[in-house]
Amino acid sequence: MATVNFSVPDDIKNRFNKIFANQNKSHIIADLMKHAIDEYEHQQQRAHAIEALLKLRSKQKPVSNRAIQAARKQGRP
């Protein structure tokens, strides 16, 4: 297991120590770090998906409103 050193404002450190006084702080910090990593990775995946959709959309020919309405009605009773 690795040891890391981070500088944080004193008020945050004091609040953290007060709130999590009787808990395993290393475990809490590790969970927070994991959550931050997971969230960053999800944001990257969303950004890549959006880029891919926009790239596909830029290759599509425009469709008229009339064609869209016809497609909506097609196959409906």
PDB file of N, CA and C in Angstrom:
ATOM      1  N   MET A   1       0.847  -1.170   0.000  1.00  0.00           N
ATOM      2  CA  MET A   1       0.000   0.000   0.000  1.00  0.00           C
ATOM      3  C   MET A   1       0.890   1.229   0.000  1.00  0.00           C
ATOM      4  N   ALA A   2       0.473   2.253  -0.749  1.00  0.00           N
ATOM      5  CA  ALA A   2       1.265   3.475  -0.886  1.00  0.00           C
ATOM      6  C   ALA A   2       0.832   4.523   0.130  1.00  0.00           C
ATOM      7  N   THR A   3       1.755   5.417   0.406  1.00  0.00           N
ATOM      8  CA  THR A   3       1.472   6.568   1.253  1.00  0.00           C
ATOM      9  C   THR A   3       1.519   7.799   0.365  1.00  0.00           C
ATOM     10  N   VAL A   4       0.514   8.681   0.507  1.00  0.00           N
ATOM     11  CA  VAL A   4       0.481   9.912  -0.278  1.00  0.00           C
ATOM     12  C   VAL A   4       0.370  11.104   0.659  1.00  0.00           C
ATOM     13  N   ASN A   5       0.901  12.224   0.218  1.00  0.00           N
ATOM     14  CA  ASN A   5       0.817  13.465   0.996  1.00  0.00           C
ATOM     15  C   ASN A   5       0.131  14.520   0.153  1.00  0.00           C
ATOM     16  N   PHE A   6      -0.912  15.138   0.711  1.00  0.00           N
ATOM     17  CA  PHE A   6      -1.629  16.210   0.047  1.00  0.00           C
ATOM     18  C   PHE A   6      -1.738  17.376   0.997  1.00  0.00           C
ATOM     19  N   SER A   7      -1.659  18.560   0.455  1.00  0.00           N
ATOM     20  CA  SER A   7      -1.900  19.751   1.256  1.00  0.00           C
ATOM     21  C   SER A   7      -3.357  20.150   1.088  1.00  0.00           C
ATOM     22  N   VAL A   8      -4.026  20.349   2.208  1.00  0.00           N
ATOM     23  CA  VAL A   8      -5.420  20.790   2.190  1.00  0.00           C
ATOM     24  C   VAL A   8      -5.553  21.954   3.162  1.00  0.00           C
ATOM     25  N   PRO A   9      -6.520  22.826   2.925  1.00  0.00           N
ATOM     26  CA  PRO A   9      -6.732  23.927   3.870  1.00  0.00           C
ATOM     27  C   PRO A   9      -7.023  23.389   5.272  1.00  0.00           C
ATOM     28  N   ASP A  10      -6.536  24.120   6.259  1.00  0.00           N
ATOM     29  CA  ASP A  10      -6.696  23.685   7.655  1.00  0.00           C
ATOM     30  C   ASP A  10      -8.148  23.479   8.044  1.00  0.00           C
ATOM     31  N   ASP A  11      -9.047  24.356   7.566  1.00  0.00           N
ATOM     32  CA  ASP A  11     -10.444  24.214   7.964  1.00  0.00           C
ATOM     33  C   ASP A  11     -11.045  22.912   7.432  1.00  0.00           C
ATOM     34  N   ILE A  12     -10.655  22.502   6.228  1.00  0.00           N
ATOM     35  CA  ILE A  12     -11.150  21.233   5.688  1.00  0.00           C
ATOM     36  C   ILE A  12     -10.584  20.069   6.481  1.00  0.00           C
ATOM     37  N   LYS A  13      -9.299  20.121   6.773  1.00  0.00           N
ATOM     38  CA  LYS A  13      -8.673  19.061   7.571  1.00  0.00           C
ATOM     39  C   LYS A  13      -9.358  18.942   8.931  1.00  0.00           C
ATOM     40  N   ASN A  14      -9.603  20.068   9.582  1.00  0.00           N
ATOM     41  CA  ASN A  14     -10.227  20.048  10.907  1.00  0.00           C
ATOM     42  C   ASN A  14     -11.657  19.510  10.846  1.00  0.00           C
ATOM     43  N   ARG A  15     -12.420  19.923   9.855  1.00  0.00           N
ATOM     44  CA  ARG A  15     -13.784  19.416   9.707  1.00  0.00           C
ATOM     45  C   ARG A  15     -13.782  17.922   9.415  1.00  0.00           C
ATOM     46  N   PHE A  16     -12.875  17.487   8.538  1.00  0.00           N
ATOM     47  CA  PHE A  16     -12.761  16.069   8.205  1.00  0.00           C
ATOM     48  C   PHE A  16     -12.436  15.260   9.455  1.00  0.00           C
ATOM     49  N   ASN A  17     -11.442  15.698  10.202  1.00  0.00           N
ATOM     50  CA  ASN A  17     -11.043  14.987  11.423  1.00  0.00           C
ATOM     51  C   ASN A  17     -12.171  14.946  12.448  1.00  0.00           C
ATOM     52  N   LYS A  18     -12.933  16.026  12.551  1.00  0.00           N
ATOM     53  CA  LYS A  18     -14.041  16.073  13.505  1.00  0.00           C
ATOM     54  C   LYS A  18     -15.160  15.118  13.081  1.00  0.00           C
ATOM     55  N   ILE A  19     -15.528  15.169  11.812  1.00  0.00           N
ATOM     56  CA  ILE A  19     -16.647  14.353  11.331  1.00  0.00           C
ATOM     57  C   ILE A  19     -16.304  12.864  11.337  1.00  0.00           C
ATOM     58  N   PHE A  20     -15.072  12.528  10.970  1.00  0.00           N
ATOM     59  CA  PHE A  20     -14.675  11.129  10.849  1.00  0.00           C
ATOM     60  C   PHE A  20     -13.721  10.706  11.971  1.00  0.00           C
ATOM     61  N   ALA A  21     -13.920  11.243  13.144  1.00  0.00           N
ATOM     62  CA  ALA A  21     -13.000  11.037  14.268  1.00  0.00           C
ATOM     63  C   ALA A  21     -12.757   9.571  14.594  1.00  0.00           C
ATOM     64  N   ASN A  22     -13.782   8.769  14.628  1.00  0.00           N
ATOM     65  CA  ASN A  22     -13.630   7.371  15.052  1.00  0.00           C
ATOM     66  C   ASN A  22     -13.684   6.392  13.888  1.00  0.00           C
ATOM     67  N   GLN A  23     -13.286   6.854  12.710  1.00  0.00           N
ATOM     68  CA  GLN A  23     -13.339   5.999  11.534  1.00  0.00           C
ATOM     69  C   GLN A  23     -11.957   5.874  10.912  1.00  0.00           C
ATOM     70  N   ASN A  24     -11.831   4.894  10.044  1.00  0.00           N
ATOM     71  CA  ASN A  24     -10.573   4.669   9.334  1.00  0.00           C
ATOM     72  C   ASN A  24     -10.455   5.727   8.232  1.00  0.00           C
ATOM     73  N   LYS A  25      -9.711   6.783   8.517  1.00  0.00           N
ATOM     74  CA  LYS A  25      -9.603   7.905   7.586  1.00  0.00           C
ATOM     75  C   LYS A  25      -8.898   7.510   6.298  1.00  0.00           C
ATOM     76  N   SER A  26      -7.947   6.613   6.378  1.00  0.00           N
ATOM     77  CA  SER A  26      -7.261   6.160   5.161  1.00  0.00           C
ATOM     78  C   SER A  26      -8.245   5.486   4.209  1.00  0.00           C
ATOM     79  N   HIS A  27      -9.144   4.695   4.767  1.00  0.00           N
ATOM     80  CA  HIS A  27     -10.154   4.024   3.953  1.00  0.00           C
ATOM     81  C   HIS A  27     -11.105   5.043   3.321  1.00  0.00           C
ATOM     82  N   ILE A  28     -11.491   6.046   4.089  1.00  0.00           N
ATOM     83  CA  ILE A  28     -12.400   7.076   3.581  1.00  0.00           C
ATOM     84  C   ILE A  28     -11.738   7.840   2.442  1.00  0.00           C
ATOM     85  N   ILE A  29     -10.481   8.240   2.631  1.00  0.00           N
ATOM     86  CA  ILE A  29      -9.753   8.968   1.585  1.00  0.00           C
ATOM     87  C   ILE A  29      -9.599   8.094   0.343  1.00  0.00           C
ATOM     88  N   ALA A  30      -9.276   6.826   0.532  1.00  0.00           N
ATOM     89  CA  ALA A  30      -9.134   5.911  -0.612  1.00  0.00           C
ATOM     90  C   ALA A  30     -10.451   5.791  -1.368  1.00  0.00           C
ATOM     91  N   ASP A  31     -11.575   5.697  -0.653  1.00  0.00           N
ATOM     92  CA  ASP A  31     -12.887   5.630  -1.300  1.00  0.00           C
ATOM     93  C   ASP A  31     -13.187   6.911  -2.074  1.00  0.00           C
ATOM     94  N   LEU A  32     -12.843   8.066  -1.479  1.00  0.00           N
ATOM     95  CA  LEU A  32     -13.058   9.338  -2.167  1.00  0.00           C
ATOM     96  C   LEU A  32     -12.212   9.434  -3.429  1.00  0.00           C
ATOM     97  N   MET A  33     -10.977   8.964  -3.357  1.00  0.00           N
ATOM     98  CA  MET A  33     -10.104   8.974  -4.521  1.00  0.00           C
ATOM     99  C   MET A  33     -10.651   8.057  -5.609  1.00  0.00           C
ATOM    100  N   LYS A  34     -11.117   6.870  -5.211  1.00  0.00           N
ATOM    101  CA  LYS A  34     -11.694   5.929  -6.178  1.00  0.00           C
ATOM    102  C   LYS A  34     -12.919   6.534  -6.842  1.00  0.00           C
ATOM    103  N   HIS A  35     -13.763   7.176  -6.043  1.00  0.00           N
ATOM    104  CA  HIS A  35     -14.959   7.818  -6.583  1.00  0.00           C
ATOM    105  C   HIS A  35     -14.566   8.915  -7.588  1.00  0.00           C
ATOM    106  N   ALA A  36     -13.560   9.713  -7.272  1.00  0.00           N
ATOM    107  CA  ALA A  36     -13.114  10.776  -8.178  1.00  0.00           C
ATOM    108  C   ALA A  36     -12.580  10.192  -9.481  1.00  0.00           C
ATOM    109  N   ILE A  37     -11.836   9.110  -9.392  1.00  0.00           N
ATOM    110  CA  ILE A  37     -11.304   8.445 -10.588  1.00  0.00           C
ATOM    111  C   ILE A  37     -12.442   7.896 -11.433  1.00  0.00           C
ATOM    112  N   ASP A  38     -13.383   7.194 -10.794  1.00  0.00           N
ATOM    113  CA  ASP A  38     -14.532   6.630 -11.524  1.00  0.00           C
ATOM    114  C   ASP A  38     -15.338   7.725 -12.209  1.00  0.00           C
ATOM    115  N   GLU A  39     -15.576   8.823 -11.505  1.00  0.00           N
ATOM    116  CA  GLU A  39     -16.348   9.931 -12.065  1.00  0.00           C
ATOM    117  C   GLU A  39     -15.614  10.548 -13.254  1.00  0.00           C
ATOM    118  N   TYR A  40     -14.313  10.722 -13.144  1.00  0.00           N
ATOM    119  CA  TYR A  40     -13.519  11.263 -14.248  1.00  0.00           C
ATOM    120  C   TYR A  40     -13.599  10.346 -15.466  1.00  0.00           C
ATOM    121  N   GLU A  41     -13.460   9.048 -15.244  1.00  0.00           N
ATOM    122  CA  GLU A  41     -13.532   8.093 -16.355  1.00  0.00           C
ATOM    123  C   GLU A  41     -14.906   8.111 -17.023  1.00  0.00           C
ATOM    124  N   HIS A  42     -15.973   8.216 -16.222  1.00  0.00           N
ATOM    125  CA  HIS A  42     -17.322   8.291 -16.789  1.00  0.00           C
ATOM    126  C   HIS A  42     -17.502   9.569 -17.604  1.00  0.00           C
ATOM    127  N   GLN A  43     -16.957  10.671 -17.119  1.00  0.00           N
ATOM    128  CA  GLN A  43     -17.033  11.925 -17.866  1.00  0.00           C
ATOM    129  C   GLN A  43     -16.307  11.797 -19.198  1.00  0.00           C
ATOM    130  N   GLN A  44     -15.160  11.137 -19.191  1.00  0.00           N
ATOM    131  CA  GLN A  44     -14.408  10.933 -20.424  1.00  0.00           C
ATOM    132  C   GLN A  44     -15.189  10.057 -21.401  1.00  0.00           C
ATOM    133  N   GLN A  45     -15.819   9.009 -20.891  1.00  0.00           N
ATOM    134  CA  GLN A  45     -16.623   8.130 -21.746  1.00  0.00           C
ATOM    135  C   GLN A  45     -17.794   8.896 -22.358  1.00  0.00           C
ATOM    136  N   ARG A  46     -18.459   9.726 -21.549  1.00  0.00           N
ATOM    137  CA  ARG A  46     -19.569  10.530 -22.066  1.00  0.00           C
ATOM    138  C   ARG A  46     -19.080  11.505 -23.136  1.00  0.00           C
ATOM    139  N   ALA A  47     -17.945  12.133 -22.889  1.00  0.00           N
ATOM    140  CA  ALA A  47     -17.402  13.084 -23.861  1.00  0.00           C
ATOM    141  C   ALA A  47     -17.076  12.391 -25.175  1.00  0.00           C
ATOM    142  N   HIS A  48     -16.488  11.202 -25.106  1.00  0.00           N
ATOM    143  CA  HIS A  48     -16.163  10.450 -26.322  1.00  0.00           C
ATOM    144  C   HIS A  48     -17.436  10.028 -27.056  1.00  0.00           C
ATOM    145  N   ALA A  49     -18.463   9.629 -26.303  1.00  0.00           N
ATOM    146  CA  ALA A  49     -19.727   9.231 -26.922  1.00  0.00           C
ATOM    147  C   ALA A  49     -20.378  10.421 -27.617  1.00  0.00           C
ATOM    148  N   ILE A  50     -20.351  11.574 -26.978  1.00  0.00           N
ATOM    149  CA  ILE A  50     -20.930  12.775 -27.585  1.00  0.00           C
ATOM    150  C   ILE A  50     -20.169  13.141 -28.854  1.00  0.00           C
ATOM    151  N   GLU A  51     -18.839  13.093 -28.781  1.00  0.00           N
ATOM    152  CA  GLU A  51     -18.031  13.381 -29.974  1.00  0.00           C
ATOM    153  C   GLU A  51     -18.369  12.429 -31.118  1.00  0.00           C
ATOM    154  N   ALA A  52     -18.534  11.153 -30.802  1.00  0.00           N
ATOM    155  CA  ALA A  52     -18.857  10.162 -31.834  1.00  0.00           C
ATOM    156  C   ALA A  52     -20.227  10.440 -32.449  1.00  0.00           C
ATOM    157  N   LEU A  53     -21.203  10.786 -31.602  1.00  0.00           N
ATOM    158  CA  LEU A  53     -22.538  11.097 -32.116  1.00  0.00           C
ATOM    159  C   LEU A  53     -22.528  12.345 -32.989  1.00  0.00           C
ATOM    160  N   LEU A  54     -21.798  13.362 -32.554  1.00  0.00           N
ATOM    161  CA  LEU A  54     -21.724  14.584 -33.354  1.00  0.00           C
ATOM    162  C   LEU A  54     -21.018  14.335 -34.678  1.00  0.00           C
ATOM    163  N   LYS A  55     -20.007  13.477 -34.656  1.00  0.00           N
ATOM    164  CA  LYS A  55     -19.303  13.141 -35.893  1.00  0.00           C
ATOM    165  C   LYS A  55     -20.242  12.414 -36.859  1.00  0.00           C
ATOM    166  N   LEU A  56     -21.016  11.447 -36.326  1.00  0.00           N
ATOM    167  CA  LEU A  56     -21.990  10.747 -37.171  1.00  0.00           C
ATOM    168  C   LEU A  56     -23.042  11.703 -37.714  1.00  0.00           C
ATOM    169  N   ARG A  57     -23.496  12.595 -36.848  1.00  0.00           N
ATOM    170  CA  ARG A  57     -24.545  13.527 -37.267  1.00  0.00           C
ATOM    171  C   ARG A  57     -24.051  14.458 -38.368  1.00  0.00           C
ATOM    172  N   SER A  58     -22.788  14.848 -38.302  1.00  0.00           N
ATOM    173  CA  SER A  58     -22.255  15.751 -39.323  1.00  0.00           C
ATOM    174  C   SER A  58     -22.203  15.090 -40.695  1.00  0.00           C
ATOM    175  N   LYS A  59     -22.219  13.758 -40.717  1.00  0.00           N
ATOM    176  CA  LYS A  59     -22.175  13.023 -41.984  1.00  0.00           C
ATOM    177  C   LYS A  59     -23.570  12.750 -42.552  1.00  0.00           C
ATOM    178  N   GLN A  60     -24.601  13.003 -41.749  1.00  0.00           N
ATOM    179  CA  GLN A  60     -25.971  12.742 -42.183  1.00  0.00           C
ATOM    180  C   GLN A  60     -26.479  13.904 -43.029  1.00  0.00           C
ATOM    181  N   LYS A  61     -27.284  13.568 -44.024  1.00  0.00           N
ATOM    182  CA  LYS A  61     -27.923  14.588 -44.842  1.00  0.00           C
ATOM    183  C   LYS A  61     -29.099  15.160 -44.058  1.00  0.00           C
ATOM    184  N   PRO A  62     -29.356  16.452 -44.212  1.00  0.00           N
ATOM    185  CA  PRO A  62     -30.514  17.052 -43.521  1.00  0.00           C
ATOM    186  C   PRO A  62     -31.826  16.398 -43.975  1.00  0.00           C
ATOM    187  N   VAL A  63     -32.770  16.326 -43.061  1.00  0.00           N
ATOM    188  CA  VAL A  63     -34.078  15.743 -43.347  1.00  0.00           C
ATOM    189  C   VAL A  63     -35.123  16.827 -43.135  1.00  0.00           C
ATOM    190  N   SER A  64     -36.058  16.926 -44.053  1.00  0.00           N
ATOM    191  CA  SER A  64     -37.090  17.960 -43.944  1.00  0.00           C
ATOM    192  C   SER A  64     -38.090  17.606 -42.851  1.00  0.00           C
ATOM    193  N   ASN A  65     -38.791  18.634 -42.397  1.00  0.00           N
ATOM    194  CA  ASN A  65     -39.849  18.412 -41.399  1.00  0.00           C
ATOM    195  C   ASN A  65     -40.930  17.503 -41.958  1.00  0.00           C
ATOM    196  N   ARG A  66     -41.231  17.656 -43.241  1.00  0.00           N
ATOM    197  CA  ARG A  66     -42.256  16.833 -43.892  1.00  0.00           C
ATOM    198  C   ARG A  66     -41.851  15.350 -43.847  1.00  0.00           C
ATOM    199  N   ALA A  67     -40.568  15.070 -44.101  1.00  0.00           N
ATOM    200  CA  ALA A  67     -40.086  13.687 -44.069  1.00  0.00           C
ATOM    201  C   ALA A  67     -40.131  13.122 -42.648  1.00  0.00           C
ATOM    202  N   ILE A  68     -39.836  13.968 -41.694  1.00  0.00           N
ATOM    203  CA  ILE A  68     -39.891  13.521 -40.288  1.00  0.00           C
ATOM    204  C   ILE A  68     -41.322  13.181 -39.902  1.00  0.00           C
ATOM    205  N   GLN A  69     -42.273  14.060 -40.275  1.00  0.00           N
ATOM    206  CA  GLN A  69     -43.687  13.807 -39.973  1.00  0.00           C
ATOM    207  C   GLN A  69     -44.172  12.528 -40.653  1.00  0.00           C
ATOM    208  N   ALA A  70     -43.764  12.305 -41.882  1.00  0.00           N
ATOM    209  CA  ALA A  70     -44.167  11.094 -42.606  1.00  0.00           C
ATOM    210  C   ALA A  70     -43.618   9.855 -41.921  1.00  0.00           C
ATOM    211  N   ALA A  71     -42.374   9.920 -41.444  1.00  0.00           N
ATOM    212  CA  ALA A  71     -41.767   8.775 -40.763  1.00  0.00           C
ATOM    213  C   ALA A  71     -42.489   8.484 -39.451  1.00  0.00           C
ATOM    214  N   ARG A  72     -42.937   9.520 -38.776  1.00  0.00           N
ATOM    215  CA  ARG A  72     -43.672   9.332 -37.519  1.00  0.00           C
ATOM    216  C   ARG A  72     -45.023   8.654 -37.758  1.00  0.00           C
ATOM    217  N   LYS A  73     -45.658   9.008 -38.841  1.00  0.00           N
ATOM    218  CA  LYS A  73     -46.980   8.462 -39.139  1.00  0.00           C
ATOM    219  C   LYS A  73     -46.911   7.050 -39.733  1.00  0.00           C
ATOM    220  N   GLN A  74     -45.808   6.747 -40.362  1.00  0.00           N
ATOM    221  CA  GLN A  74     -45.673   5.459 -41.055  1.00  0.00           C
ATOM    222  C   GLN A  74     -45.811   4.293 -40.060  1.00  0.00           C
ATOM    223  N   GLY A  75     -46.669   3.375 -40.389  1.00  0.00           N
ATOM    224  CA  GLY A  75     -46.839   2.184 -39.579  1.00  0.00           C
ATOM    225  C   GLY A  75     -47.771   2.345 -38.397  1.00  0.00           C
ATOM    226  N   ARG A  76     -48.293   3.543 -38.188  1.00  0.00           N
ATOM    227  CA  ARG A  76     -49.249   3.768 -37.093  1.00  0.00           C
ATOM    228  C   ARG A  76     -50.657   3.441 -37.575  1.00  0.00           C
ATOM    229  N   PRO A  77     -51.476   2.930 -36.693  1.00  0.00           N
ATOM    230  CA  PRO A  77     -52.861   2.614 -37.087  1.00  0.00           C
ATOM    231  C   PRO A  77     -53.688   3.869 -37.339  1.00  0.00           C
TER     232      PRO A  77
END
